[in-house]
């Protein structure tokens, strides 16, 4: 069995990422109707469409984690405008 998409992830250094599943109406309001998922570097959050279940939602999550990891790397190295240290 494949793992479920977590509700949150904490990377080294305490870089906490919140994962939120949005219903269709809320997702359309937050991301637009053509977007499956979104990474927000300002509040360290990933938004996912709840109607995209199973493998699609896992793929969306992994894609957004790739963006998050790039931003975490810059934050961890002190090269980010979002650095809070």
PDB file of N, CA and C in Angstrom:
ATOM      1  N   UNK A   1       0.833  -1.183   0.000  1.00  0.00           N
ATOM      2  CA  UNK A   1       0.000   0.000   0.000  1.00  0.00           C
ATOM      3  C   UNK A   1       0.880   1.250   0.000  1.00  0.00           C
ATOM      4  N   UNK A   2       0.519   2.203  -0.825  1.00  0.00           N
ATOM      5  CA  UNK A   2       1.269   3.451  -0.907  1.00  0.00           C
ATOM      6  C   UNK A   2       0.931   4.360   0.276  1.00  0.00           C
ATOM      7  N   UNK A   3       1.882   5.189   0.688  1.00  0.00           N
ATOM      8  CA  UNK A   3       1.615   6.081   1.822  1.00  0.00           C
ATOM      9  C   UNK A   3       0.572   7.142   1.474  1.00  0.00           C
ATOM     10  N   UNK A   4      -0.122   7.606   2.507  1.00  0.00           N
ATOM     11  CA  UNK A   4      -1.077   8.689   2.341  1.00  0.00           C
ATOM     12  C   UNK A   4      -0.336  10.023   2.308  1.00  0.00           C
ATOM     13  N   UNK A   5      -0.960  11.000   1.711  1.00  0.00           N
ATOM     14  CA  UNK A   5      -0.407  12.352   1.722  1.00  0.00           C
ATOM     15  C   UNK A   5      -0.515  12.877   3.155  1.00  0.00           C
ATOM     16  N   UNK A   6       0.591  13.359   3.726  1.00  0.00           N
ATOM     17  CA  UNK A   6       0.558  13.832   5.114  1.00  0.00           C
ATOM     18  C   UNK A   6      -0.160  15.178   5.247  1.00  0.00           C
ATOM     19  N   UNK A   7      -0.527  15.506   6.463  1.00  0.00           N
ATOM     20  CA  UNK A   7      -1.133  16.813   6.754  1.00  0.00           C
ATOM     21  C   UNK A   7      -0.076  17.881   6.956  1.00  0.00           C
ATOM     22  N   UNK A   8       1.138  17.439   7.249  1.00  0.00           N
ATOM     23  CA  UNK A   8       2.250  18.377   7.420  1.00  0.00           C
ATOM     24  C   UNK A   8       3.570  17.637   7.250  1.00  0.00           C
ATOM     25  N   UNK A   9       4.614  18.413   7.007  1.00  0.00           N
ATOM     26  CA  UNK A   9       5.966  17.890   6.841  1.00  0.00           C
ATOM     27  C   UNK A   9       6.903  18.888   7.526  1.00  0.00           C
ATOM     28  N   UNK A  10       7.889  18.379   8.259  1.00  0.00           N
ATOM     29  CA  UNK A  10       8.897  19.260   8.835  1.00  0.00           C
ATOM     30  C   UNK A  10      10.262  18.842   8.298  1.00  0.00           C
ATOM     31  N   UNK A  11      10.918  19.771   7.625  1.00  0.00           N
ATOM     32  CA  UNK A  11      12.253  19.542   7.082  1.00  0.00           C
ATOM     33  C   UNK A  11      13.287  19.994   8.105  1.00  0.00           C
ATOM     34  N   UNK A  12      14.551  19.582   7.945  1.00  0.00           N
ATOM     35  CA  UNK A  12      15.593  19.985   8.895  1.00  0.00           C
ATOM     36  C   UNK A  12      15.631  21.499   9.103  1.00  0.00           C
ATOM     37  N   UNK A  13      15.918  21.886  10.339  1.00  0.00           N
ATOM     38  CA  UNK A  13      15.951  23.301  10.695  1.00  0.00           C
ATOM     39  C   UNK A  13      14.606  23.818  11.162  1.00  0.00           C
ATOM     40  N   UNK A  14      13.601  22.940  11.194  1.00  0.00           N
ATOM     41  CA  UNK A  14      12.278  23.341  11.645  1.00  0.00           C
ATOM     42  C   UNK A  14      11.417  24.003  10.590  1.00  0.00           C
ATOM     43  N   UNK A  15      11.731  23.786   9.325  1.00  0.00           N
ATOM     44  CA  UNK A  15      10.950  24.348   8.208  1.00  0.00           C
ATOM     45  C   UNK A  15       9.668  23.532   8.077  1.00  0.00           C
ATOM     46  N   UNK A  16       8.595  24.050   8.647  1.00  0.00           N
ATOM     47  CA  UNK A  16       7.326  23.318   8.732  1.00  0.00           C
ATOM     48  C   UNK A  16       6.432  23.653   7.541  1.00  0.00           C
ATOM     49  N   UNK A  17       5.907  22.626   6.912  1.00  0.00           N
ATOM     50  CA  UNK A  17       5.027  22.761   5.754  1.00  0.00           C
ATOM     51  C   UNK A  17       3.666  22.177   6.122  1.00  0.00           C
ATOM     52  N   UNK A  18       2.630  22.973   5.926  1.00  0.00           N
ATOM     53  CA  UNK A  18       1.267  22.525   6.166  1.00  0.00           C
ATOM     54  C   UNK A  18       0.651  22.094   4.840  1.00  0.00           C
ATOM     55  N   UNK A  19      -0.063  20.984   4.863  1.00  0.00           N
ATOM     56  CA  UNK A  19      -0.734  20.469   3.663  1.00  0.00           C
ATOM     57  C   UNK A  19      -2.241  20.535   3.912  1.00  0.00           C
ATOM     58  N   UNK A  20      -2.935  21.251   3.027  1.00  0.00           N
ATOM     59  CA  UNK A  20      -4.373  21.444   3.182  1.00  0.00           C
ATOM     60  C   UNK A  20      -5.102  20.955   1.948  1.00  0.00           C
ATOM     61  N   UNK A  21      -6.130  20.152   2.178  1.00  0.00           N
ATOM     62  CA  UNK A  21      -6.993  19.694   1.088  1.00  0.00           C
ATOM     63  C   UNK A  21      -8.222  20.591   1.040  1.00  0.00           C
ATOM     64  N   UNK A  22      -8.504  21.125  -0.142  1.00  0.00           N
ATOM     65  CA  UNK A  22      -9.616  22.059  -0.303  1.00  0.00           C
ATOM     66  C   UNK A  22     -10.715  21.445  -1.154  1.00  0.00           C
ATOM     67  N   UNK A  23     -11.973  21.696  -0.763  1.00  0.00           N
ATOM     68  CA  UNK A  23     -13.066  21.246  -1.624  1.00  0.00           C
ATOM     69  C   UNK A  23     -13.062  22.082  -2.911  1.00  0.00           C
ATOM     70  N   UNK A  24     -13.830  21.678  -3.863  1.00  0.00           N
ATOM     71  CA  UNK A  24     -13.799  22.293  -5.188  1.00  0.00           C
ATOM     72  C   UNK A  24     -14.020  23.806  -5.148  1.00  0.00           C
ATOM     73  N   UNK A  25     -15.036  24.256  -4.428  1.00  0.00           N
ATOM     74  CA  UNK A  25     -15.334  25.688  -4.385  1.00  0.00           C
ATOM     75  C   UNK A  25     -14.205  26.490  -3.747  1.00  0.00           C
ATOM     76  N   UNK A  26     -13.697  26.003  -2.620  1.00  0.00           N
ATOM     77  CA  UNK A  26     -12.594  26.694  -1.941  1.00  0.00           C
ATOM     78  C   UNK A  26     -11.326  26.670  -2.796  1.00  0.00           C
ATOM     79  N   UNK A  27     -11.055  25.535  -3.454  1.00  0.00           N
ATOM     80  CA  UNK A  27      -9.882  25.434  -4.328  1.00  0.00           C
ATOM     81  C   UNK A  27      -9.990  26.420  -5.490  1.00  0.00           C
ATOM     82  N   UNK A  28     -11.172  26.521  -6.075  1.00  0.00           N
ATOM     83  CA  UNK A  28     -11.365  27.480  -7.169  1.00  0.00           C
ATOM     84  C   UNK A  28     -11.130  28.904  -6.694  1.00  0.00           C
ATOM     85  N   UNK A  29     -11.602  29.234  -5.480  1.00  0.00           N
ATOM     86  CA  UNK A  29     -11.389  30.570  -4.921  1.00  0.00           C
ATOM     87  C   UNK A  29      -9.917  30.841  -4.657  1.00  0.00           C
ATOM     88  N   UNK A  30      -9.215  29.857  -4.094  1.00  0.00           N
ATOM     89  CA  UNK A  30      -7.818  30.037  -3.679  1.00  0.00           C
ATOM     90  C   UNK A  30      -6.819  29.932  -4.826  1.00  0.00           C
ATOM     91  N   UNK A  31      -7.075  29.003  -5.774  1.00  0.00           N
ATOM     92  CA  UNK A  31      -6.077  28.683  -6.794  1.00  0.00           C
ATOM     93  C   UNK A  31      -6.550  28.910  -8.223  1.00  0.00           C
ATOM     94  N   UNK A  32      -7.838  29.069  -8.427  1.00  0.00           N
ATOM     95  CA  UNK A  32      -8.381  29.119  -9.779  1.00  0.00           C
ATOM     96  C   UNK A  32      -8.840  27.732 -10.199  1.00  0.00           C
ATOM     97  N   UNK A  33      -9.671  27.696 -11.192  1.00  0.00           N
ATOM     98  CA  UNK A  33     -10.301  26.424 -11.571  1.00  0.00           C
ATOM     99  C   UNK A  33      -9.393  25.478 -12.360  1.00  0.00           C
ATOM    100  N   UNK A  34      -8.289  25.961 -12.879  1.00  0.00           N
ATOM    101  CA  UNK A  34      -7.412  25.128 -13.710  1.00  0.00           C
ATOM    102  C   UNK A  34      -6.181  24.597 -12.979  1.00  0.00           C
ATOM    103  N   UNK A  35      -6.045  24.909 -11.704  1.00  0.00           N
ATOM    104  CA  UNK A  35      -4.854  24.539 -10.934  1.00  0.00           C
ATOM    105  C   UNK A  35      -5.188  23.359 -10.029  1.00  0.00           C
ATOM    106  N   UNK A  36      -4.346  22.312 -10.051  1.00  0.00           N
ATOM    107  CA  UNK A  36      -4.557  21.120  -9.226  1.00  0.00           C
ATOM    108  C   UNK A  36      -4.000  21.280  -7.818  1.00  0.00           C
ATOM    109  N   UNK A  37      -2.888  21.996  -7.691  1.00  0.00           N
ATOM    110  CA  UNK A  37      -2.217  22.135  -6.404  1.00  0.00           C
ATOM    111  C   UNK A  37      -1.342  23.380  -6.436  1.00  0.00           C
ATOM    112  N   UNK A  38      -0.935  23.833  -5.248  1.00  0.00           N
ATOM    113  CA  UNK A  38      -0.155  25.067  -5.191  1.00  0.00           C
ATOM    114  C   UNK A  38       0.739  25.080  -3.965  1.00  0.00           C
ATOM    115  N   UNK A  39       1.971  25.560  -4.148  1.00  0.00           N
ATOM    116  CA  UNK A  39       2.911  25.790  -3.052  1.00  0.00           C
ATOM    117  C   UNK A  39       2.937  27.282  -2.767  1.00  0.00           C
ATOM    118  N   UNK A  40       2.843  27.665  -1.489  1.00  0.00           N
ATOM    119  CA  UNK A  40       2.921  29.061  -1.081  1.00  0.00           C
ATOM    120  C   UNK A  40       4.130  29.215  -0.164  1.00  0.00           C
ATOM    121  N   UNK A  41       5.183  29.857  -0.684  1.00  0.00           N
ATOM    122  CA  UNK A  41       6.416  30.005   0.076  1.00  0.00           C
ATOM    123  C   UNK A  41       6.236  30.949   1.264  1.00  0.00           C
ATOM    124  N   UNK A  42       5.320  31.896   1.179  1.00  0.00           N
ATOM    125  CA  UNK A  42       5.153  32.870   2.253  1.00  0.00           C
ATOM    126  C   UNK A  42       4.622  32.242   3.537  1.00  0.00           C
ATOM    127  N   UNK A  43       3.696  31.296   3.416  1.00  0.00           N
ATOM    128  CA  UNK A  43       3.177  30.658   4.635  1.00  0.00           C
ATOM    129  C   UNK A  43       3.507  29.172   4.710  1.00  0.00           C
ATOM    130  N   UNK A  44       4.435  28.732   3.868  1.00  0.00           N
ATOM    131  CA  UNK A  44       4.923  27.342   3.876  1.00  0.00           C
ATOM    132  C   UNK A  44       3.761  26.356   3.842  1.00  0.00           C
ATOM    133  N   UNK A  45       2.930  26.492   2.829  1.00  0.00           N
ATOM    134  CA  UNK A  45       1.779  25.604   2.739  1.00  0.00           C
ATOM    135  C   UNK A  45       1.593  25.064   1.327  1.00  0.00           C
ATOM    136  N   UNK A  46       1.072  23.855   1.288  1.00  0.00           N
ATOM    137  CA  UNK A  46       0.695  23.211   0.031  1.00  0.00           C
ATOM    138  C   UNK A  46      -0.822  23.079   0.046  1.00  0.00           C
ATOM    139  N   UNK A  47      -1.460  23.529  -1.029  1.00  0.00           N
ATOM    140  CA  UNK A  47      -2.898  23.382  -1.187  1.00  0.00           C
ATOM    141  C   UNK A  47      -3.155  22.305  -2.230  1.00  0.00           C
ATOM    142  N   UNK A  48      -4.048  21.380  -1.908  1.00  0.00           N
ATOM    143  CA  UNK A  48      -4.404  20.287  -2.812  1.00  0.00           C
ATOM    144  C   UNK A  48      -5.914  20.257  -2.995  1.00  0.00           C
ATOM    145  N   UNK A  49      -6.352  19.844  -4.165  1.00  0.00           N
ATOM    146  CA  UNK A  49      -7.779  19.650  -4.414  1.00  0.00           C
ATOM    147  C   UNK A  49      -8.208  18.309  -3.817  1.00  0.00           C
ATOM    148  N   UNK A  50      -9.211  18.341  -2.951  1.00  0.00           N
ATOM    149  CA  UNK A  50      -9.656  17.108  -2.300  1.00  0.00           C
ATOM    150  C   UNK A  50     -10.305  16.139  -3.277  1.00  0.00           C
ATOM    151  N   UNK A  51     -10.872  16.652  -4.385  1.00  0.00           N
ATOM    152  CA  UNK A  51     -11.527  15.742  -5.336  1.00  0.00           C
ATOM    153  C   UNK A  51     -10.522  14.920  -6.144  1.00  0.00           C
ATOM    154  N   UNK A  52      -9.259  15.321  -6.132  1.00  0.00           N
ATOM    155  CA  UNK A  52      -8.214  14.534  -6.805  1.00  0.00           C
ATOM    156  C   UNK A  52      -7.640  13.564  -5.779  1.00  0.00           C
ATOM    157  N   UNK A  53      -8.125  12.370  -5.802  1.00  0.00           N
ATOM    158  CA  UNK A  53      -7.744  11.394  -4.776  1.00  0.00           C
ATOM    159  C   UNK A  53      -6.687  10.433  -5.301  1.00  0.00           C
ATOM    160  N   UNK A  54      -6.208   9.605  -4.381  1.00  0.00           N
ATOM    161  CA  UNK A  54      -5.303   8.521  -4.747  1.00  0.00           C
ATOM    162  C   UNK A  54      -4.009   8.990  -5.389  1.00  0.00           C
ATOM    163  N   UNK A  55      -3.645   8.316  -6.470  1.00  0.00           N
ATOM    164  CA  UNK A  55      -2.373   8.567  -7.133  1.00  0.00           C
ATOM    165  C   UNK A  55      -2.257   9.997  -7.632  1.00  0.00           C
ATOM    166  N   UNK A  56      -3.330  10.571  -8.155  1.00  0.00           N
ATOM    167  CA  UNK A  56      -3.265  11.957  -8.643  1.00  0.00           C
ATOM    168  C   UNK A  56      -2.900  12.919  -7.521  1.00  0.00           C
ATOM    169  N   UNK A  57      -3.508  12.753  -6.359  1.00  0.00           N
ATOM    170  CA  UNK A  57      -3.205  13.647  -5.245  1.00  0.00           C
ATOM    171  C   UNK A  57      -1.778  13.442  -4.746  1.00  0.00           C
ATOM    172  N   UNK A  58      -1.295  12.202  -4.733  1.00  0.00           N
ATOM    173  CA  UNK A  58       0.101  11.945  -4.347  1.00  0.00           C
ATOM    174  C   UNK A  58       1.061  12.619  -5.327  1.00  0.00           C
ATOM    175  N   UNK A  59       0.770  12.518  -6.617  1.00  0.00           N
ATOM    176  CA  UNK A  59       1.630  13.166  -7.619  1.00  0.00           C
ATOM    177  C   UNK A  59       1.606  14.685  -7.467  1.00  0.00           C
ATOM    178  N   UNK A  60       0.430  15.242  -7.213  1.00  0.00           N
ATOM    179  CA  UNK A  60       0.330  16.692  -6.980  1.00  0.00           C
ATOM    180  C   UNK A  60       1.151  17.089  -5.757  1.00  0.00           C
ATOM    181  N   UNK A  61       1.033  16.313  -4.681  1.00  0.00           N
ATOM    182  CA  UNK A  61       1.781  16.586  -3.456  1.00  0.00           C
ATOM    183  C   UNK A  61       3.289  16.549  -3.705  1.00  0.00           C
ATOM    184  N   UNK A  62       3.753  15.501  -4.381  1.00  0.00           N
ATOM    185  CA  UNK A  62       5.194  15.367  -4.645  1.00  0.00           C
ATOM    186  C   UNK A  62       5.692  16.524  -5.508  1.00  0.00           C
ATOM    187  N   UNK A  63       4.917  16.918  -6.501  1.00  0.00           N
ATOM    188  CA  UNK A  63       5.304  18.048  -7.359  1.00  0.00           C
ATOM    189  C   UNK A  63       5.463  19.324  -6.527  1.00  0.00           C
ATOM    190  N   UNK A  64       4.501  19.589  -5.643  1.00  0.00           N
ATOM    191  CA  UNK A  64       4.582  20.795  -4.814  1.00  0.00           C
ATOM    192  C   UNK A  64       5.711  20.690  -3.791  1.00  0.00           C
ATOM    193  N   UNK A  65       6.000  19.484  -3.300  1.00  0.00           N
ATOM    194  CA  UNK A  65       7.137  19.299  -2.397  1.00  0.00           C
ATOM    195  C   UNK A  65       8.455  19.606  -3.100  1.00  0.00           C
ATOM    196  N   UNK A  66       8.524  19.352  -4.399  1.00  0.00           N
ATOM    197  CA  UNK A  66       9.737  19.727  -5.146  1.00  0.00           C
ATOM    198  C   UNK A  66       9.954  21.235  -5.086  1.00  0.00           C
ATOM    199  N   UNK A  67       8.881  21.998  -5.261  1.00  0.00           N
ATOM    200  CA  UNK A  67       8.995  23.459  -5.137  1.00  0.00           C
ATOM    201  C   UNK A  67       9.385  23.839  -3.713  1.00  0.00           C
ATOM    202  N   UNK A  68       8.740  23.200  -2.742  1.00  0.00           N
ATOM    203  CA  UNK A  68       9.025  23.494  -1.341  1.00  0.00           C
ATOM    204  C   UNK A  68      10.476  23.173  -0.998  1.00  0.00           C
ATOM    205  N   UNK A  69      10.983  22.075  -1.517  1.00  0.00           N
ATOM    206  CA  UNK A  69      12.359  21.678  -1.215  1.00  0.00           C
ATOM    207  C   UNK A  69      13.354  22.708  -1.749  1.00  0.00           C
ATOM    208  N   UNK A  70      13.102  23.237  -2.936  1.00  0.00           N
ATOM    209  CA  UNK A  70      13.979  24.272  -3.507  1.00  0.00           C
ATOM    210  C   UNK A  70      13.976  25.502  -2.596  1.00  0.00           C
ATOM    211  N   UNK A  71      12.794  25.925  -2.145  1.00  0.00           N
ATOM    212  CA  UNK A  71      12.716  27.079  -1.253  1.00  0.00           C
ATOM    213  C   UNK A  71      13.337  26.776   0.104  1.00  0.00           C
ATOM    214  N   UNK A  72      13.135  25.539   0.618  1.00  0.00           N
ATOM    215  CA  UNK A  72      13.769  25.150   1.876  1.00  0.00           C
ATOM    216  C   UNK A  72      15.288  25.215   1.752  1.00  0.00           C
ATOM    217  N   UNK A  73      15.823  24.726   0.656  1.00  0.00           N
ATOM    218  CA  UNK A  73      17.281  24.734   0.449  1.00  0.00           C
ATOM    219  C   UNK A  73      17.823  26.155   0.558  1.00  0.00           C
ATOM    220  N   UNK A  74      17.191  27.095  -0.121  1.00  0.00           N
ATOM    221  CA  UNK A  74      17.635  28.488  -0.048  1.00  0.00           C
ATOM    222  C   UNK A  74      17.488  29.050   1.360  1.00  0.00           C
ATOM    223  N   UNK A  75      16.380  28.710   2.031  1.00  0.00           N
ATOM    224  CA  UNK A  75      16.165  29.147   3.412  1.00  0.00           C
ATOM    225  C   UNK A  75      17.234  28.570   4.333  1.00  0.00           C
ATOM    226  N   UNK A  76      17.502  27.274   4.200  1.00  0.00           N
ATOM    227  CA  UNK A  76      18.461  26.581   5.051  1.00  0.00           C
ATOM    228  C   UNK A  76      19.869  27.155   4.891  1.00  0.00           C
ATOM    229  N   UNK A  77      20.198  27.560   3.676  1.00  0.00           N
ATOM    230  CA  UNK A  77      21.517  28.130   3.395  1.00  0.00           C
ATOM    231  C   UNK A  77      21.571  29.638   3.635  1.00  0.00           C
ATOM    232  N   UNK A  78      20.458  30.235   4.063  1.00  0.00           N
ATOM    233  CA  UNK A  78      20.416  31.660   4.334  1.00  0.00           C
ATOM    234  C   UNK A  78      20.407  32.523   3.097  1.00  0.00           C
ATOM    235  N   UNK A  79      19.973  31.954   1.973  1.00  0.00           N
ATOM    236  CA  UNK A  79      19.980  32.679   0.697  1.00  0.00           C
ATOM    237  C   UNK A  79      18.590  33.130   0.270  1.00  0.00           C
ATOM    238  N   UNK A  80      17.639  33.050   1.156  1.00  0.00           N
ATOM    239  CA  UNK A  80      16.252  33.330   0.790  1.00  0.00           C
ATOM    240  C   UNK A  80      15.785  34.648   1.380  1.00  0.00           C
ATOM    241  N   UNK A  81      14.989  35.388   0.630  1.00  0.00           N
ATOM    242  CA  UNK A  81      14.377  36.600   1.172  1.00  0.00           C
ATOM    243  C   UNK A  81      13.354  36.241   2.249  1.00  0.00           C
ATOM    244  N   UNK A  82      12.978  34.958   2.306  1.00  0.00           N
ATOM    245  CA  UNK A  82      12.018  34.492   3.291  1.00  0.00           C
ATOM    246  C   UNK A  82      12.718  33.938   4.538  1.00  0.00           C
ATOM    247  N   UNK A  83      14.033  34.171   4.634  1.00  0.00           N
ATOM    248  CA  UNK A  83      14.802  33.676   5.777  1.00  0.00           C
ATOM    249  C   UNK A  83      14.365  34.412   7.037  1.00  0.00           C
ATOM    250  N   UNK A  84      14.102  33.668   8.081  1.00  0.00           N
ATOM    251  CA  UNK A  84      13.627  34.251   9.338  1.00  0.00           C
ATOM    252  C   UNK A  84      14.627  34.028  10.464  1.00  0.00           C
ATOM    253  N   UNK A  85      15.904  33.965  10.146  1.00  0.00           N
ATOM    254  CA  UNK A  85      16.884  33.652  11.187  1.00  0.00           C
ATOM    255  C   UNK A  85      17.707  34.812  11.623  1.00  0.00           C
TER     256      UNK A  85
END
